[in-house]
């Protein structure tokens, strides 16, 4: 049986050109290497799973490749790259051991690169022990610090580093990357299915790849929107499309039955009402060609939104968003949360009530 490698490792970028969603940073680093204008202390900061450690490793390899006259094709300068996890090596002694190593020049290549991950976990005394080395490192040493919590790093460290702020990766970028991987792995994946995974990742590509692996394990080589929604425990768009149709028909009994079926499946009322508010917002932006670009859904779902948007009155949407948002705000403080959501649904169903008795 062949050993399985998770997608986050298997498809880890090996060059700056392969890094997704951080073009400004990768271009800056590329130009700095080309023009010999690279700082000796760099701080990579940003959310988890956006490419901080990956970029640090690529940079560490590149600076030695560019400075080497006799470069072997498979040379990766592994002996010149030192990775330290500050979460488990955060004492003064750990940092002193590191500063003692820094003085020794590399045997091959021009630079020794020290990548310190989760640097905000260093103790106050460890930070202080590191200050002098960071301010005046030997010519052969480059420090790359990575952290998700820049505010926890003392200002004296920050002032000695060139800071690169990594951003969350866009839903479209993540979805396109998942499409590429699905093609490589010979997996048939719906556009909408990958879009749900990309949205669930919340800007972290590593999370998206982990979720992709999990969903493939569940569904096999065919990913559908329904299968992904079920596996990730998210409400499918069809639930909101169906309930909106019932609300437009002023069909209060069926609306309450539909909401009950959502609760029976184990979904939280707060999750449902916030999702319904988002659904109304998406219908609102789908009504005008100028705002359709703000609709972040897959191609099939976008067609459904455009169809339903034609049936919905603007006045209804504005009032419905207001009602759903008010319920969302009051949900946590309510003593009877189910009744609060049901009352909100009844109010929304009554917006277009034309006088015919529906109850």
Protein backbone atom coordinates (compact mmCIF):
# COMPACT_ATOMS: atom_id res chain seq x y z
CA UNK A 1 0.00 0.00 0.00
CA UNK A 2 1.45 3.34 -1.09
CA UNK A 3 2.05 5.85 1.69
CA UNK A 4 -0.46 8.74 1.56
CA UNK A 5 0.96 12.29 1.58
CA UNK A 6 -1.44 15.06 2.54
CA UNK A 7 -2.04 17.67 -0.18
CA UNK A 8 -0.62 20.51 1.95
CA UNK A 9 2.78 18.73 1.87
CA UNK A 10 2.54 17.15 -1.57
CA UNK A 11 1.73 20.47 -3.28
CA UNK A 12 3.84 22.78 -1.11
CA UNK A 13 5.27 25.47 -3.45
CA UNK A 14 8.96 25.09 -4.32
CA UNK A 15 9.37 28.51 -5.99
CA UNK A 16 7.98 32.01 -5.49
CA UNK A 17 6.04 31.72 -8.76
CA UNK A 18 4.01 28.83 -7.24
CA UNK A 19 2.96 30.74 -4.10
CA UNK A 20 -0.76 31.61 -4.20
CA UNK A 21 -2.22 34.99 -3.27
CA UNK A 22 0.96 36.74 -2.01
CA UNK A 23 2.26 38.28 -5.25
CA UNK A 24 3.26 41.62 -3.67
CA UNK A 25 5.49 39.88 -1.10
CA UNK A 26 7.00 37.28 -3.46
CA UNK A 27 7.78 39.98 -6.06
CA UNK A 28 9.45 42.13 -3.39
CA UNK A 29 11.58 39.23 -2.15
CA UNK A 30 12.49 38.20 -5.71
CA UNK A 31 13.61 41.76 -6.54
CA UNK A 32 15.53 42.04 -3.25
CA UNK A 33 17.51 38.86 -4.09
CA UNK A 34 18.14 39.95 -7.70
CA UNK A 35 19.34 43.42 -6.65
CA UNK A 36 21.30 42.17 -3.62
CA UNK A 37 19.11 44.31 -1.39
CA UNK A 38 17.88 41.75 1.15
CA UNK A 39 17.72 42.66 4.84
CA UNK A 40 19.41 40.34 7.33
CA UNK A 41 16.38 40.16 9.62
CA UNK A 42 12.90 39.59 8.17
CA UNK A 43 9.57 39.17 9.96
CA UNK A 44 6.79 37.29 8.17
CA UNK A 45 3.46 37.91 9.88
CA UNK A 46 -0.13 37.03 9.03
CA UNK A 47 -2.91 34.43 9.57
CA UNK A 48 -2.18 30.70 9.69
CA UNK A 49 -1.86 28.69 6.49
CA UNK A 50 -1.14 31.57 4.08
CA UNK A 51 2.48 30.71 3.15
CA UNK A 52 4.79 32.32 5.74
CA UNK A 53 6.98 29.26 6.44
CA UNK A 54 6.81 28.17 2.79
CA UNK A 55 8.11 31.56 1.61
CA UNK A 56 10.82 31.46 4.29
CA UNK A 57 12.06 28.07 3.01
CA UNK A 58 11.97 29.17 -0.64
CA UNK A 59 13.88 32.36 0.26
CA UNK A 60 16.47 30.40 2.27
CA UNK A 61 17.14 28.10 -0.70
CA UNK A 62 17.12 30.88 -3.31
CA UNK A 63 19.69 33.17 -1.69
CA UNK A 64 22.25 30.36 -1.58
CA UNK A 65 21.45 29.23 -5.14
CA UNK A 66 21.95 32.78 -6.47
CA UNK A 67 25.25 33.16 -4.64
CA UNK A 68 26.69 29.78 -5.66
CA UNK A 69 29.05 29.56 -8.66
CA UNK A 70 29.07 25.74 -8.89
CA UNK A 71 25.42 24.86 -8.43
CA UNK A 72 24.37 21.25 -8.65
CA UNK A 73 20.91 20.72 -10.10
CA UNK A 74 19.57 18.94 -7.00
CA UNK A 75 21.39 21.12 -4.43
CA UNK A 76 18.92 22.39 -1.82
CA UNK A 77 21.45 23.71 0.76
CA UNK A 78 19.63 21.85 3.55
CA UNK A 79 22.69 22.12 5.82
CA UNK A 80 22.53 25.92 5.56
CA UNK A 81 18.90 26.16 6.72
CA UNK A 82 18.05 25.87 10.42
CA UNK A 83 14.43 25.80 11.57
CA UNK A 84 13.58 26.48 15.20
CA UNK A 85 10.09 26.15 16.66
CA UNK A 86 9.89 28.92 19.28
CA UNK A 87 6.78 27.32 20.80
CA UNK A 88 8.89 24.50 22.27
CA UNK A 89 12.33 26.18 22.25
CA UNK A 90 11.54 29.47 23.96
CA UNK A 91 14.07 29.69 26.80
CA UNK A 92 17.19 31.87 27.12
CA UNK A 93 19.41 28.75 26.79
CA UNK A 94 17.79 27.84 23.45
CA UNK A 95 18.49 31.32 22.08
CA UNK A 96 22.08 31.30 23.45
CA UNK A 97 22.73 27.98 21.70
CA UNK A 98 21.43 29.55 18.50
CA UNK A 99 23.59 32.69 18.82
CA UNK A 100 26.65 30.49 19.43
CA UNK A 101 25.94 28.60 16.18
CA UNK A 102 25.44 31.85 14.23
CA UNK A 103 29.14 32.76 14.55
CA UNK A 104 30.26 29.71 12.55
CA UNK A 105 30.27 30.43 8.77
CA UNK A 106 28.64 27.96 6.32
CA UNK A 107 30.76 25.22 4.72
CA UNK A 108 28.89 25.38 1.40
CA UNK A 109 26.98 28.32 -0.04
CA UNK A 110 27.22 31.89 1.16
CA UNK A 111 24.51 32.17 3.83
CA UNK A 112 23.22 30.37 6.90
CA UNK A 113 19.50 31.00 7.24
CA UNK A 114 17.69 30.72 10.57
CA UNK A 115 13.90 30.33 10.36
CA UNK A 116 12.27 30.88 13.76
CA UNK A 117 8.59 29.86 13.65
CA UNK A 118 5.97 31.12 16.15
CA UNK A 119 8.52 33.67 17.34
CA UNK A 120 5.93 35.40 19.57
CA UNK A 121 6.22 32.40 21.93
CA UNK A 122 9.74 33.38 23.04
CA UNK A 123 9.99 34.48 26.66
CA UNK A 124 10.85 38.08 27.53
CA UNK A 125 14.37 37.13 28.58
CA UNK A 126 14.86 35.08 25.38
CA UNK A 127 13.84 38.11 23.32
CA UNK A 128 16.37 40.24 25.19
CA UNK A 129 19.12 37.64 24.65
CA UNK A 130 18.32 37.68 20.93
CA UNK A 131 18.36 41.48 20.48
CA UNK A 132 22.09 42.09 19.96
CA UNK A 133 22.51 39.22 17.49
CA UNK A 134 19.49 40.40 15.52
CA UNK A 135 20.78 43.97 15.38
CA UNK A 136 24.33 43.09 14.27
CA UNK A 137 24.32 39.58 12.74
CA UNK A 138 27.43 38.22 10.98
CA UNK A 139 27.50 38.84 7.21
CA UNK A 140 26.76 35.15 6.52
CA UNK A 141 23.61 34.98 8.71
CA UNK A 142 20.02 35.82 7.77
CA UNK A 143 17.12 35.54 10.23
CA UNK A 144 13.54 34.92 9.10
CA UNK A 145 11.02 35.19 11.93
CA UNK A 146 7.44 33.97 11.39
CA UNK A 147 4.43 34.67 13.59
CA UNK A 148 0.63 34.78 13.56
CA UNK A 149 0.58 37.33 16.42
CA UNK A 150 2.77 40.33 15.66
CA UNK A 151 1.32 42.35 18.57
CA UNK A 152 2.98 39.94 21.05
CA UNK A 153 6.48 40.71 19.79
CA UNK A 154 8.34 43.42 21.69
CA UNK A 155 8.90 46.71 19.76
CA UNK A 156 12.69 46.46 20.02
CA UNK A 157 12.56 43.23 17.95
CA UNK A 158 10.11 44.72 15.43
CA UNK A 159 12.33 47.76 14.88
CA UNK A 160 15.25 45.50 13.88
CA UNK A 161 13.25 43.57 11.25
CA UNK A 162 11.94 44.23 7.77
CA UNK A 163 8.25 43.35 8.17
CA UNK A 164 6.15 41.53 5.54
CA UNK A 165 2.40 41.31 6.23
CA UNK A 166 0.86 38.24 4.60
CA UNK A 167 -2.82 38.58 3.75
CA UNK A 168 -5.67 36.08 3.77
CA UNK A 169 -5.98 34.33 0.41
CA UNK A 170 -9.08 35.15 -1.67
CA UNK A 171 -11.86 32.60 -2.14
CA UNK A 172 -11.42 32.64 -5.93
CA UNK A 173 -7.64 32.03 -5.67
CA UNK A 174 -8.18 29.08 -3.33
CA UNK A 175 -10.93 27.64 -5.53
CA UNK A 176 -8.77 27.85 -8.67
CA UNK A 177 -5.89 26.16 -6.84
CA UNK A 178 -8.20 23.35 -5.67
CA UNK A 179 -9.38 22.92 -9.28
CA UNK A 180 -5.75 22.46 -10.32
CA UNK A 181 -5.12 19.86 -7.60
CA UNK A 182 -8.37 18.00 -8.38
CA UNK A 183 -7.24 17.76 -12.02
CA UNK A 184 -3.80 16.45 -10.94
CA UNK A 185 -5.41 13.84 -8.68
CA UNK A 186 -8.00 12.90 -11.37
CA UNK A 187 -10.89 13.91 -9.12
CA UNK A 188 -14.13 15.13 -10.67
CA UNK A 189 -15.17 18.15 -8.61
CA UNK A 190 -18.14 20.52 -9.01
CA UNK A 191 -17.29 24.20 -9.11
CA UNK A 192 -19.78 24.82 -6.27
CA UNK A 193 -18.25 22.04 -4.14
CA UNK A 194 -14.77 23.59 -4.32
CA UNK A 195 -16.28 27.02 -3.66
CA UNK A 196 -17.77 25.80 -0.36
CA UNK A 197 -14.37 24.38 0.69
CA UNK A 198 -12.68 27.68 -0.24
CA UNK A 199 -15.22 29.70 1.78
CA UNK A 200 -14.92 27.38 4.78
CA UNK A 201 -11.11 27.82 4.76
CA UNK A 202 -11.49 31.53 5.64
CA UNK A 203 -8.41 32.64 3.70
CA UNK A 204 -6.08 29.82 4.83
CA UNK A 205 -4.89 27.66 1.92
CA UNK A 206 -3.52 24.95 4.24
CA UNK A 207 -6.96 24.61 5.86
CA UNK A 208 -8.55 24.38 2.39
CA UNK A 209 -6.17 21.56 1.39
CA UNK A 210 -6.81 19.66 4.65
CA UNK A 211 -10.57 20.00 4.12
CA UNK A 212 -10.19 18.90 0.48
CA UNK A 213 -8.39 15.71 1.61
CA UNK A 214 -11.11 15.02 4.17
CA UNK A 215 -13.95 15.47 1.70
CA UNK A 216 -12.21 13.26 -0.90
CA UNK A 217 -11.91 10.54 1.77
CA UNK A 218 -15.67 10.86 2.36
CA UNK A 219 -16.87 11.19 -1.25
CA UNK A 220 -14.28 9.37 -3.34
CA UNK A 221 -13.31 10.71 -6.76
CA UNK A 222 -16.49 12.72 -7.36
CA UNK A 223 -17.14 15.84 -5.27
CA UNK A 224 -20.66 17.27 -5.41
CA UNK A 225 -21.99 20.35 -3.66
CA UNK A 226 -24.42 18.27 -1.59
CA UNK A 227 -21.72 15.81 -0.45
CA UNK A 228 -19.34 18.63 0.56
CA UNK A 229 -22.10 20.51 2.42
CA UNK A 230 -23.03 17.31 4.30
CA UNK A 231 -19.44 16.43 5.19
CA UNK A 232 -18.54 19.96 6.35
CA UNK A 233 -21.82 20.31 8.25
CA UNK A 234 -22.87 23.48 6.42
CA UNK A 235 -26.39 24.26 5.25
CA UNK A 236 -26.70 23.77 1.50
CA UNK A 237 -27.82 26.73 -0.60
CA UNK A 238 -30.93 24.75 -1.62
CA UNK A 239 -32.28 25.05 1.95
CA UNK A 240 -32.21 28.86 1.77
CA UNK A 241 -33.60 28.94 -1.79
CA UNK A 242 -36.51 26.73 -0.68
CA UNK A 243 -37.28 28.73 2.47
CA UNK A 244 -37.12 32.03 0.52
CA UNK A 245 -39.70 30.68 -1.95
CA UNK A 246 -41.99 29.77 0.97
CA UNK A 247 -41.50 33.23 2.54
CA UNK A 248 -42.45 34.90 -0.76
CA UNK A 249 -45.60 32.73 -0.86
CA UNK A 250 -46.45 33.82 2.74
CA UNK A 251 -46.64 30.11 3.58
CA UNK A 252 -45.95 30.39 7.32
CA UNK A 253 -46.83 26.76 8.27
CA UNK A 254 -44.39 25.30 5.71
CA UNK A 255 -41.70 27.83 6.68
CA UNK A 256 -41.93 26.65 10.31
CA UNK A 257 -41.81 23.00 9.19
CA UNK A 258 -38.73 23.73 7.04
CA UNK A 259 -37.00 25.49 9.96
CA UNK A 260 -37.80 22.51 12.21
CA UNK A 261 -36.20 20.12 9.70
CA UNK A 262 -33.04 22.27 9.83
CA UNK A 263 -32.95 21.94 13.65
CA UNK A 264 -33.62 18.18 13.45
CA UNK A 265 -30.48 17.82 11.28
CA UNK A 266 -28.49 19.27 14.19
CA UNK A 267 -27.93 22.81 12.91
CA UNK A 268 -27.95 25.73 15.32
CA UNK A 269 -30.70 28.40 14.99
CA UNK A 270 -28.08 31.17 15.10
CA UNK A 271 -26.16 29.55 12.25
CA UNK A 272 -29.39 29.32 10.26
CA UNK A 273 -30.54 32.93 10.74
CA UNK A 274 -27.11 34.42 9.98
CA UNK A 275 -26.98 32.26 6.84
CA UNK A 276 -30.47 33.45 5.85
CA UNK A 277 -29.39 37.10 6.25
CA UNK A 278 -26.38 36.38 4.00
CA UNK A 279 -28.70 34.71 1.49
CA UNK A 280 -30.91 37.83 1.33
CA UNK A 281 -27.79 39.97 0.90
CA UNK A 282 -26.64 37.76 -2.00
CA UNK A 283 -30.08 38.08 -3.62
CA UNK A 284 -29.81 41.86 -3.26
CA UNK A 285 -26.44 42.04 -5.07
CA UNK A 286 -27.74 39.59 -7.72
CA UNK A 287 -30.54 42.01 -8.66
CA UNK A 288 -28.23 44.57 -10.25
CA UNK A 289 -25.67 43.78 -13.01
CA UNK A 290 -23.29 46.32 -11.40
CA UNK A 291 -23.11 44.30 -8.15
CA UNK A 292 -23.27 40.70 -9.46
CA UNK A 293 -19.45 40.55 -9.19
CA UNK A 294 -19.86 40.76 -5.37
CA UNK A 295 -21.61 37.38 -5.42
CA UNK A 296 -19.03 34.88 -4.12
CA UNK A 297 -20.58 31.55 -5.13
CA UNK A 298 -19.97 28.85 -7.73
CA UNK A 299 -21.27 29.08 -11.29
CA UNK A 300 -24.31 26.80 -10.85
CA UNK A 301 -25.38 28.51 -7.64
CA UNK A 302 -24.93 31.96 -9.26
CA UNK A 303 -27.56 31.00 -11.88
CA UNK A 304 -29.97 30.05 -9.08
CA UNK A 305 -29.37 33.40 -7.36
CA UNK A 306 -29.98 35.33 -10.59
CA UNK A 307 -33.24 33.41 -11.18
CA UNK A 308 -34.59 33.92 -7.66
CA UNK A 309 -33.48 37.58 -7.60
CA UNK A 310 -35.87 38.27 -10.50
CA UNK A 311 -38.82 37.07 -8.36
CA UNK A 312 -37.92 39.11 -5.26
CA UNK A 313 -38.94 42.71 -4.70
CA UNK A 314 -36.25 45.15 -3.48
CA UNK A 315 -38.54 46.36 -0.66
CA UNK A 316 -38.95 42.77 0.57
CA UNK A 317 -35.18 42.17 0.59
CA UNK A 318 -34.37 45.35 2.52
CA UNK A 319 -36.97 44.57 5.20
CA UNK A 320 -36.00 40.87 5.32
CA UNK A 321 -32.29 41.68 5.79
CA UNK A 322 -33.19 44.11 8.58
CA UNK A 323 -35.41 41.54 10.35
CA UNK A 324 -32.85 38.71 10.01
CA UNK A 325 -30.01 40.95 11.19
CA UNK A 326 -32.03 42.07 14.23
CA UNK A 327 -32.68 38.41 15.12
CA UNK A 328 -28.96 37.66 14.71
CA UNK A 329 -28.06 40.47 17.15
CA UNK A 330 -30.65 39.43 19.76
CA UNK A 331 -30.13 35.66 19.50
CA UNK A 332 -27.58 35.18 22.30
CA UNK A 333 -29.52 37.27 24.84
CA UNK A 334 -32.89 35.63 24.09
CA UNK A 335 -34.42 33.24 26.66
CA UNK A 336 -36.42 31.42 23.97
CA UNK A 337 -34.12 31.32 20.95
CA UNK A 338 -36.26 29.02 18.81
CA UNK A 339 -39.30 31.25 19.24
CA UNK A 340 -37.20 34.30 18.33
CA UNK A 341 -36.19 32.74 14.98
CA UNK A 342 -39.73 31.50 14.30
CA UNK A 343 -41.17 34.95 15.05
CA UNK A 344 -38.61 36.51 12.69
CA UNK A 345 -39.57 34.06 9.93
CA UNK A 346 -43.26 34.87 10.44
CA UNK A 347 -42.54 38.61 10.21
CA UNK A 348 -40.54 38.13 6.99
CA UNK A 349 -43.30 35.93 5.52
CA UNK A 350 -45.80 38.72 6.28
CA UNK A 351 -43.86 41.46 4.41
CA UNK A 352 -45.58 40.67 1.09
CA UNK A 353 -48.83 39.48 2.67
CA UNK A 354 -51.64 40.62 0.37
CA UNK A 355 -54.54 40.11 2.74
CA UNK A 356 -55.29 36.46 1.92
CA UNK A 357 -55.36 34.26 5.01
CA UNK A 358 -52.44 31.85 4.90
CA UNK A 359 -52.52 30.55 8.46
